[in-house]
Amino acid sequence: MRSSDTAWRMNETINGRPYQQVYGWTKKYDTDGVHGLEDRRGQTKSEEELTNEENLERRIQQIERENERLRAENLSLKKLEEIVRRD
């Protein structure tokens, strides 16, 4: 039985859900089984699931955050040094 046939049958029984939604569920189920139907919105991929490009992008973002934190720390230390010199 094809996925589209299953989707049409499911659509008749699932409270009038749109065909595209039911078809999407069916494709996910056919591909990944029950785990494919889990809601993963807002979850990040594990290290094993990342492509090399995604891994590099994640590393760049991490370095940029660290750089910003160090700039803020450097600025606060300069201000502290200036306050200490004034006194």
PDB file of N, CA and C in Angstrom:
ATOM      1  N   MET A   1       0.846  -1.183   0.000  1.00  0.00           N
ATOM      2  CA  MET A   1       0.000   0.000   0.000  1.00  0.00           C
ATOM      3  C   MET A   1       0.890   1.243   0.000  1.00  0.00           C
ATOM      4  N   ARG A   2       0.588   2.184  -0.868  1.00  0.00           N
ATOM      5  CA  ARG A   2       1.377   3.401  -0.968  1.00  0.00           C
ATOM      6  C   ARG A   2       1.024   4.362   0.155  1.00  0.00           C
ATOM      7  N   SER A   3       1.958   5.275   0.446  1.00  0.00           N
ATOM      8  CA  SER A   3       1.750   6.264   1.508  1.00  0.00           C
ATOM      9  C   SER A   3       0.530   7.136   1.237  1.00  0.00           C
ATOM     10  N   SER A   4       0.342   7.526  -0.030  1.00  0.00           N
ATOM     11  CA  SER A   4      -0.783   8.413  -0.339  1.00  0.00           C
ATOM     12  C   SER A   4      -2.123   7.707  -0.108  1.00  0.00           C
ATOM     13  N   ASP A   5      -2.190   6.409  -0.405  1.00  0.00           N
ATOM     14  CA  ASP A   5      -3.419   5.656  -0.143  1.00  0.00           C
ATOM     15  C   ASP A   5      -3.710   5.624   1.350  1.00  0.00           C
ATOM     16  N   THR A   6      -2.682   5.368   2.138  1.00  0.00           N
ATOM     17  CA  THR A   6      -2.825   5.337   3.589  1.00  0.00           C
ATOM     18  C   THR A   6      -3.251   6.710   4.095  1.00  0.00           C
ATOM     19  N   ALA A   7      -2.655   7.766   3.542  1.00  0.00           N
ATOM     20  CA  ALA A   7      -2.981   9.124   3.978  1.00  0.00           C
ATOM     21  C   ALA A   7      -4.452   9.446   3.715  1.00  0.00           C
ATOM     22  N   TRP A   8      -4.942   9.061   2.540  1.00  0.00           N
ATOM     23  CA  TRP A   8      -6.348   9.345   2.229  1.00  0.00           C
ATOM     24  C   TRP A   8      -7.275   8.617   3.201  1.00  0.00           C
ATOM     25  N   ARG A   9      -6.950   7.374   3.503  1.00  0.00           N
ATOM     26  CA  ARG A   9      -7.792   6.616   4.437  1.00  0.00           C
ATOM     27  C   ARG A   9      -7.738   7.226   5.833  1.00  0.00           C
ATOM     28  N   MET A  10      -6.541   7.621   6.266  1.00  0.00           N
ATOM     29  CA  MET A  10      -6.408   8.235   7.589  1.00  0.00           C
ATOM     30  C   MET A  10      -7.182   9.552   7.640  1.00  0.00           C
ATOM     31  N   ASN A  11      -7.136  10.306   6.543  1.00  0.00           N
ATOM     32  CA  ASN A  11      -7.797  11.602   6.501  1.00  0.00           C
ATOM     33  C   ASN A  11      -9.297  11.485   6.712  1.00  0.00           C
ATOM     34  N   GLU A  12      -9.873  10.401   6.279  1.00  0.00           N
ATOM     35  CA  GLU A  12     -11.311  10.226   6.439  1.00  0.00           C
ATOM     36  C   GLU A  12     -11.699  10.018   7.891  1.00  0.00           C
ATOM     37  N   THR A  13     -10.760   9.582   8.722  1.00  0.00           N
ATOM     38  CA  THR A  13     -11.099   9.222  10.096  1.00  0.00           C
ATOM     39  C   THR A  13     -10.501  10.144  11.150  1.00  0.00           C
ATOM     40  N   ILE A  14      -9.646  11.093  10.783  1.00  0.00           N
ATOM     41  CA  ILE A  14      -8.962  11.919  11.781  1.00  0.00           C
ATOM     42  C   ILE A  14      -9.552  13.326  11.802  1.00  0.00           C
ATOM     43  N   ASN A  15     -10.738  13.477  12.275  1.00  0.00           N
ATOM     44  CA  ASN A  15     -11.372  14.777  12.524  1.00  0.00           C
ATOM     45  C   ASN A  15     -11.165  15.806  11.421  1.00  0.00           C
ATOM     46  N   GLY A  16     -11.215  15.389  10.185  1.00  0.00           N
ATOM     47  CA  GLY A  16     -11.152  16.339   9.079  1.00  0.00           C
ATOM     48  C   GLY A  16      -9.833  17.072   8.936  1.00  0.00           C
ATOM     49  N   ARG A  17      -8.722  16.464   9.327  1.00  0.00           N
ATOM     50  CA  ARG A  17      -7.413  17.099   9.165  1.00  0.00           C
ATOM     51  C   ARG A  17      -7.126  17.279   7.675  1.00  0.00           C
ATOM     52  N   PRO A  18      -6.393  18.330   7.303  1.00  0.00           N
ATOM     53  CA  PRO A  18      -6.053  18.529   5.890  1.00  0.00           C
ATOM     54  C   PRO A  18      -5.208  17.380   5.346  1.00  0.00           C
ATOM     55  N   TYR A  19      -5.381  17.106   4.082  1.00  0.00           N
ATOM     56  CA  TYR A  19      -4.662  16.012   3.440  1.00  0.00           C
ATOM     57  C   TYR A  19      -3.151  16.175   3.599  1.00  0.00           C
ATOM     58  N   GLN A  20      -2.626  17.406   3.397  1.00  0.00           N
ATOM     59  CA  GLN A  20      -1.178  17.619   3.474  1.00  0.00           C
ATOM     60  C   GLN A  20      -0.626  17.244   4.843  1.00  0.00           C
ATOM     61  N   GLN A  21      -1.369  17.554   5.889  1.00  0.00           N
ATOM     62  CA  GLN A  21      -0.906  17.239   7.234  1.00  0.00           C
ATOM     63  C   GLN A  21      -0.841  15.728   7.442  1.00  0.00           C
ATOM     64  N   VAL A  22      -1.897  15.043   7.047  1.00  0.00           N
ATOM     65  CA  VAL A  22      -1.937  13.595   7.203  1.00  0.00           C
ATOM     66  C   VAL A  22      -0.880  12.943   6.313  1.00  0.00           C
ATOM     67  N   TYR A  23      -0.712  13.445   5.110  1.00  0.00           N
ATOM     68  CA  TYR A  23       0.300  12.916   4.203  1.00  0.00           C
ATOM     69  C   TYR A  23       1.691  13.074   4.810  1.00  0.00           C
ATOM     70  N   GLY A  24       1.958  14.244   5.414  1.00  0.00           N
ATOM     71  CA  GLY A  24       3.245  14.476   6.064  1.00  0.00           C
ATOM     72  C   GLY A  24       3.491  13.500   7.205  1.00  0.00           C
ATOM     73  N   TRP A  25       2.458  13.256   8.012  1.00  0.00           N
ATOM     74  CA  TRP A  25       2.588  12.289   9.110  1.00  0.00           C
ATOM     75  C   TRP A  25       2.910  10.901   8.552  1.00  0.00           C
ATOM     76  N   THR A  26       2.215  10.540   7.467  1.00  0.00           N
ATOM     77  CA  THR A  26       2.404   9.219   6.880  1.00  0.00           C
ATOM     78  C   THR A  26       3.818   9.066   6.338  1.00  0.00           C
ATOM     79  N   LYS A  27       4.332  10.090   5.651  1.00  0.00           N
ATOM     80  CA  LYS A  27       5.700  10.041   5.126  1.00  0.00           C
ATOM     81  C   LYS A  27       6.708   9.909   6.263  1.00  0.00           C
ATOM     82  N   LYS A  28       6.504  10.669   7.344  1.00  0.00           N
ATOM     83  CA  LYS A  28       7.413  10.578   8.495  1.00  0.00           C
ATOM     84  C   LYS A  28       7.360   9.188   9.110  1.00  0.00           C
ATOM     85  N   TYR A  29       6.169   8.635   9.222  1.00  0.00           N
ATOM     86  CA  TYR A  29       6.024   7.296   9.794  1.00  0.00           C
ATOM     87  C   TYR A  29       6.693   6.248   8.901  1.00  0.00           C
ATOM     88  N   ASP A  30       6.495   6.378   7.592  1.00  0.00           N
ATOM     89  CA  ASP A  30       7.106   5.427   6.659  1.00  0.00           C
ATOM     90  C   ASP A  30       8.634   5.495   6.715  1.00  0.00           C
ATOM     91  N   THR A  31       9.171   6.686   6.898  1.00  0.00           N
ATOM     92  CA  THR A  31      10.612   6.875   6.908  1.00  0.00           C
ATOM     93  C   THR A  31      11.248   6.474   8.235  1.00  0.00           C
ATOM     94  N   ASP A  32      10.689   6.981   9.358  1.00  0.00           N
ATOM     95  CA  ASP A  32      11.337   6.829  10.661  1.00  0.00           C
ATOM     96  C   ASP A  32      10.516   6.069  11.687  1.00  0.00           C
ATOM     97  N   GLY A  33       9.377   5.550  11.302  1.00  0.00           N
ATOM     98  CA  GLY A  33       8.538   4.828  12.253  1.00  0.00           C
ATOM     99  C   GLY A  33       7.929   5.785  13.277  1.00  0.00           C
ATOM    100  N   VAL A  34       7.627   5.265  14.450  1.00  0.00           N
ATOM    101  CA  VAL A  34       6.979   6.061  15.496  1.00  0.00           C
ATOM    102  C   VAL A  34       7.848   7.245  15.898  1.00  0.00           C
ATOM    103  N   HIS A  35       9.175   7.074  15.900  1.00  0.00           N
ATOM    104  CA  HIS A  35      10.070   8.165  16.293  1.00  0.00           C
ATOM    105  C   HIS A  35       9.985   9.343  15.323  1.00  0.00           C
ATOM    106  N   GLY A  36       9.619   9.095  14.077  1.00  0.00           N
ATOM    107  CA  GLY A  36       9.468  10.169  13.110  1.00  0.00           C
ATOM    108  C   GLY A  36       8.304  11.089  13.426  1.00  0.00           C
ATOM    109  N   LEU A  37       7.358  10.619  14.239  1.00  0.00           N
ATOM    110  CA  LEU A  37       6.187  11.423  14.582  1.00  0.00           C
ATOM    111  C   LEU A  37       6.391  12.267  15.845  1.00  0.00           C
ATOM    112  N   GLU A  38       7.542  12.119  16.503  1.00  0.00           N
ATOM    113  CA  GLU A  38       7.809  12.897  17.708  1.00  0.00           C
ATOM    114  C   GLU A  38       7.972  14.371  17.351  1.00  0.00           C
ATOM    115  N   ASP A  39       7.513  15.235  18.230  1.00  0.00           N
ATOM    116  CA  ASP A  39       7.632  16.674  18.032  1.00  0.00           C
ATOM    117  C   ASP A  39       9.035  17.111  18.435  1.00  0.00           C
ATOM    118  N   ARG A  40       9.832  17.541  17.460  1.00  0.00           N
ATOM    119  CA  ARG A  40      11.206  17.943  17.721  1.00  0.00           C
ATOM    120  C   ARG A  40      11.398  19.445  17.546  1.00  0.00           C
ATOM    121  N   ARG A  41      10.324  20.201  17.504  1.00  0.00           N
ATOM    122  CA  ARG A  41      10.462  21.644  17.335  1.00  0.00           C
ATOM    123  C   ARG A  41      11.230  22.226  18.517  1.00  0.00           C
ATOM    124  N   GLY A  42      12.160  23.114  18.205  1.00  0.00           N
ATOM    125  CA  GLY A  42      12.930  23.786  19.236  1.00  0.00           C
ATOM    126  C   GLY A  42      14.084  22.969  19.783  1.00  0.00           C
ATOM    127  N   GLN A  43      14.276  21.769  19.316  1.00  0.00           N
ATOM    128  CA  GLN A  43      15.374  20.942  19.793  1.00  0.00           C
ATOM    129  C   GLN A  43      16.535  21.040  18.814  1.00  0.00           C
ATOM    130  N   THR A  44      17.728  21.070  19.358  1.00  0.00           N
ATOM    131  CA  THR A  44      18.897  21.128  18.498  1.00  0.00           C
ATOM    132  C   THR A  44      19.356  19.717  18.172  1.00  0.00           C
ATOM    133  N   LYS A  45      20.096  19.609  17.097  1.00  0.00           N
ATOM    134  CA  LYS A  45      20.609  18.318  16.677  1.00  0.00           C
ATOM    135  C   LYS A  45      21.763  17.913  17.597  1.00  0.00           C
ATOM    136  N   SER A  46      21.944  16.610  17.762  1.00  0.00           N
ATOM    137  CA  SER A  46      23.086  16.125  18.524  1.00  0.00           C
ATOM    138  C   SER A  46      24.340  16.263  17.660  1.00  0.00           C
ATOM    139  N   GLU A  47      25.494  16.160  18.273  1.00  0.00           N
ATOM    140  CA  GLU A  47      26.758  16.299  17.543  1.00  0.00           C
ATOM    141  C   GLU A  47      26.854  15.291  16.396  1.00  0.00           C
ATOM    142  N   GLU A  48      26.329  14.090  16.589  1.00  0.00           N
ATOM    143  CA  GLU A  48      26.415  13.050  15.563  1.00  0.00           C
ATOM    144  C   GLU A  48      25.548  13.371  14.351  1.00  0.00           C
ATOM    145  N   GLU A  49      24.470  14.133  14.548  1.00  0.00           N
ATOM    146  CA  GLU A  49      23.536  14.439  13.457  1.00  0.00           C
ATOM    147  C   GLU A  49      23.987  15.624  12.602  1.00  0.00           C
ATOM    148  N   LEU A  50      24.961  16.394  13.076  1.00  0.00           N
ATOM    149  CA  LEU A  50      25.382  17.591  12.363  1.00  0.00           C
ATOM    150  C   LEU A  50      26.254  17.251  11.152  1.00  0.00           C
ATOM    151  N   THR A  51      26.049  17.998  10.075  1.00  0.00           N
ATOM    152  CA  THR A  51      26.954  17.889   8.937  1.00  0.00           C
ATOM    153  C   THR A  51      28.217  18.667   9.291  1.00  0.00           C
ATOM    154  N   ASN A  52      29.247  18.496   8.510  1.00  0.00           N
ATOM    155  CA  ASN A  52      30.504  19.212   8.755  1.00  0.00           C
ATOM    156  C   ASN A  52      30.269  20.724   8.710  1.00  0.00           C
ATOM    157  N   GLU A  53      29.459  21.168   7.753  1.00  0.00           N
ATOM    158  CA  GLU A  53      29.166  22.602   7.624  1.00  0.00           C
ATOM    159  C   GLU A  53      28.406  23.123   8.845  1.00  0.00           C
ATOM    160  N   GLU A  54      27.410  22.366   9.312  1.00  0.00           N
ATOM    161  CA  GLU A  54      26.657  22.772  10.492  1.00  0.00           C
ATOM    162  C   GLU A  54      27.550  22.795  11.727  1.00  0.00           C
ATOM    163  N   ASN A  55      28.457  21.840  11.812  1.00  0.00           N
ATOM    164  CA  ASN A  55      29.382  21.774  12.927  1.00  0.00           C
ATOM    165  C   ASN A  55      30.293  23.002  12.937  1.00  0.00           C
ATOM    166  N   LEU A  56      30.800  23.380  11.758  1.00  0.00           N
ATOM    167  CA  LEU A  56      31.649  24.570  11.657  1.00  0.00           C
ATOM    168  C   LEU A  56      30.865  25.836  11.990  1.00  0.00           C
ATOM    169  N   GLU A  57      29.630  25.921  11.523  1.00  0.00           N
ATOM    170  CA  GLU A  57      28.791  27.090  11.818  1.00  0.00           C
ATOM    171  C   GLU A  57      28.543  27.208  13.313  1.00  0.00           C
ATOM    172  N   ARG A  58      28.274  26.086  13.961  1.00  0.00           N
ATOM    173  CA  ARG A  58      28.050  26.085  15.407  1.00  0.00           C
ATOM    174  C   ARG A  58      29.316  26.546  16.137  1.00  0.00           C
ATOM    175  N   ARG A  59      30.475  26.096  15.664  1.00  0.00           N
ATOM    176  CA  ARG A  59      31.750  26.480  16.283  1.00  0.00           C
ATOM    177  C   ARG A  59      32.007  27.973  16.099  1.00  0.00           C
ATOM    178  N   ILE A  60      31.702  28.509  14.919  1.00  0.00           N
ATOM    179  CA  ILE A  60      31.872  29.945  14.667  1.00  0.00           C
ATOM    180  C   ILE A  60      31.000  30.748  15.622  1.00  0.00           C
ATOM    181  N   GLN A  61      29.745  30.336  15.802  1.00  0.00           N
ATOM    182  CA  GLN A  61      28.846  31.037  16.722  1.00  0.00           C
ATOM    183  C   GLN A  61      29.374  30.985  18.148  1.00  0.00           C
ATOM    184  N   GLN A  62      29.928  29.847  18.536  1.00  0.00           N
ATOM    185  CA  GLN A  62      30.490  29.700  19.880  1.00  0.00           C
ATOM    186  C   GLN A  62      31.678  30.647  20.060  1.00  0.00           C
ATOM    187  N   ILE A  63      32.541  30.729  19.066  1.00  0.00           N
ATOM    188  CA  ILE A  63      33.703  31.612  19.139  1.00  0.00           C
ATOM    189  C   ILE A  63      33.269  33.075  19.172  1.00  0.00           C
ATOM    190  N   GLU A  64      32.257  33.439  18.385  1.00  0.00           N
ATOM    191  CA  GLU A  64      31.757  34.814  18.384  1.00  0.00           C
ATOM    192  C   GLU A  64      31.186  35.198  19.748  1.00  0.00           C
ATOM    193  N   ARG A  65      30.437  34.280  20.390  1.00  0.00           N
ATOM    194  CA  ARG A  65      29.907  34.559  21.737  1.00  0.00           C
ATOM    195  C   ARG A  65      31.037  34.737  22.746  1.00  0.00           C
ATOM    196  N   GLU A  66      32.044  33.878  22.659  1.00  0.00           N
ATOM    197  CA  GLU A  66      33.197  33.977  23.560  1.00  0.00           C
ATOM    198  C   GLU A  66      33.946  35.285  23.337  1.00  0.00           C
ATOM    199  N   ASN A  67      34.099  35.667  22.073  1.00  0.00           N
ATOM    200  CA  ASN A  67      34.767  36.926  21.738  1.00  0.00           C
ATOM    201  C   ASN A  67      34.009  38.117  22.328  1.00  0.00           C
ATOM    202  N   GLU A  68      32.694  38.120  22.204  1.00  0.00           N
ATOM    203  CA  GLU A  68      31.871  39.207  22.757  1.00  0.00           C
ATOM    204  C   GLU A  68      31.994  39.258  24.280  1.00  0.00           C
ATOM    205  N   ARG A  69      31.989  38.091  24.915  1.00  0.00           N
ATOM    206  CA  ARG A  69      32.138  38.045  26.376  1.00  0.00           C
ATOM    207  C   ARG A  69      33.495  38.605  26.795  1.00  0.00           C
ATOM    208  N   LEU A  70      34.553  38.245  26.070  1.00  0.00           N
ATOM    209  CA  LEU A  70      35.890  38.735  26.397  1.00  0.00           C
ATOM    210  C   LEU A  70      36.014  40.236  26.176  1.00  0.00           C
ATOM    211  N   ARG A  71      35.373  40.759  25.142  1.00  0.00           N
ATOM    212  CA  ARG A  71      35.377  42.217  24.912  1.00  0.00           C
ATOM    213  C   ARG A  71      34.699  42.946  26.066  1.00  0.00           C
ATOM    214  N   ALA A  72      33.564  42.409  26.518  1.00  0.00           N
ATOM    215  CA  ALA A  72      32.857  43.025  27.644  1.00  0.00           C
ATOM    216  C   ALA A  72      33.707  42.964  28.904  1.00  0.00           C
ATOM    217  N   GLU A  73      34.366  41.843  29.130  1.00  0.00           N
ATOM    218  CA  GLU A  73      35.233  41.700  30.308  1.00  0.00           C
ATOM    219  C   GLU A  73      36.395  42.676  30.226  1.00  0.00           C
ATOM    220  N   ASN A  74      36.983  42.801  29.054  1.00  0.00           N
ATOM    221  CA  ASN A  74      38.100  43.722  28.852  1.00  0.00           C
ATOM    222  C   ASN A  74      37.674  45.167  29.111  1.00  0.00           C
ATOM    223  N   LEU A  75      36.508  45.535  28.618  1.00  0.00           N
ATOM    224  CA  LEU A  75      35.994  46.886  28.831  1.00  0.00           C
ATOM    225  C   LEU A  75      35.761  47.168  30.312  1.00  0.00           C
ATOM    226  N   SER A  76      35.178  46.218  31.024  1.00  0.00           N
ATOM    227  CA  SER A  76      34.928  46.428  32.450  1.00  0.00           C
ATOM    228  C   SER A  76      36.241  46.503  33.228  1.00  0.00           C
ATOM    229  N   LEU A  77      37.242  45.737  32.840  1.00  0.00           N
ATOM    230  CA  LEU A  77      38.543  45.817  33.511  1.00  0.00           C
ATOM    231  C   LEU A  77      39.224  47.157  33.254  1.00  0.00           C
ATOM    232  N   LYS A  78      39.079  47.689  32.042  1.00  0.00           N
ATOM    233  CA  LYS A  78      39.640  49.002  31.739  1.00  0.00           C
ATOM    234  C   LYS A  78      38.967  50.081  32.576  1.00  0.00           C
ATOM    235  N   LYS A  79      37.648  49.995  32.730  1.00  0.00           N
ATOM    236  CA  LYS A  79      36.929  50.972  33.541  1.00  0.00           C
ATOM    237  C   LYS A  79      37.339  50.857  34.999  1.00  0.00           C
ATOM    238  N   LEU A  80      37.502  49.641  35.494  1.00  0.00           N
ATOM    239  CA  LEU A  80      37.938  49.436  36.868  1.00  0.00           C
ATOM    240  C   LEU A  80      39.335  50.011  37.072  1.00  0.00           C
ATOM    241  N   GLU A  81      40.212  49.782  36.117  1.00  0.00           N
ATOM    242  CA  GLU A  81      41.575  50.312  36.201  1.00  0.00           C
ATOM    243  C   GLU A  81      41.551  51.842  36.235  1.00  0.00           C
ATOM    244  N   GLU A  82      40.676  52.443  35.436  1.00  0.00           N
ATOM    245  CA  GLU A  82      40.560  53.896  35.403  1.00  0.00           C
ATOM    246  C   GLU A  82      40.045  54.427  36.751  1.00  0.00           C
ATOM    247  N   ILE A  83      39.084  53.754  37.336  1.00  0.00           N
ATOM    248  CA  ILE A  83      38.538  54.154  38.648  1.00  0.00           C
ATOM    249  C   ILE A  83      39.620  54.045  39.723  1.00  0.00           C
ATOM    250  N   VAL A  84      40.396  52.996  39.692  1.00  0.00           N
ATOM    251  CA  VAL A  84      41.456  52.796  40.680  1.00  0.00           C
ATOM    252  C   VAL A  84      42.530  53.869  40.538  1.00  0.00           C
ATOM    253  N   ARG A  85      42.869  54.236  39.312  1.00  0.00           N
ATOM    254  CA  ARG A  85      43.870  55.290  39.086  1.00  0.00           C
ATOM    255  C   ARG A  85      43.405  56.652  39.585  1.00  0.00           C
ATOM    256  N   ARG A  86      42.112  56.940  39.479  1.00  0.00           N
ATOM    257  CA  ARG A  86      41.557  58.223  39.928  1.00  0.00           C
ATOM    258  C   ARG A  86      41.648  58.377  41.438  1.00  0.00           C
ATOM    259  N   ASP A  87      41.483  57.284  42.135  1.00  0.00           N
ATOM    260  CA  ASP A  87      41.479  57.343  43.608  1.00  0.00           C
ATOM    261  C   ASP A  87      42.857  57.402  44.121  1.00  0.00           C
TER     262      ASP A  87
END
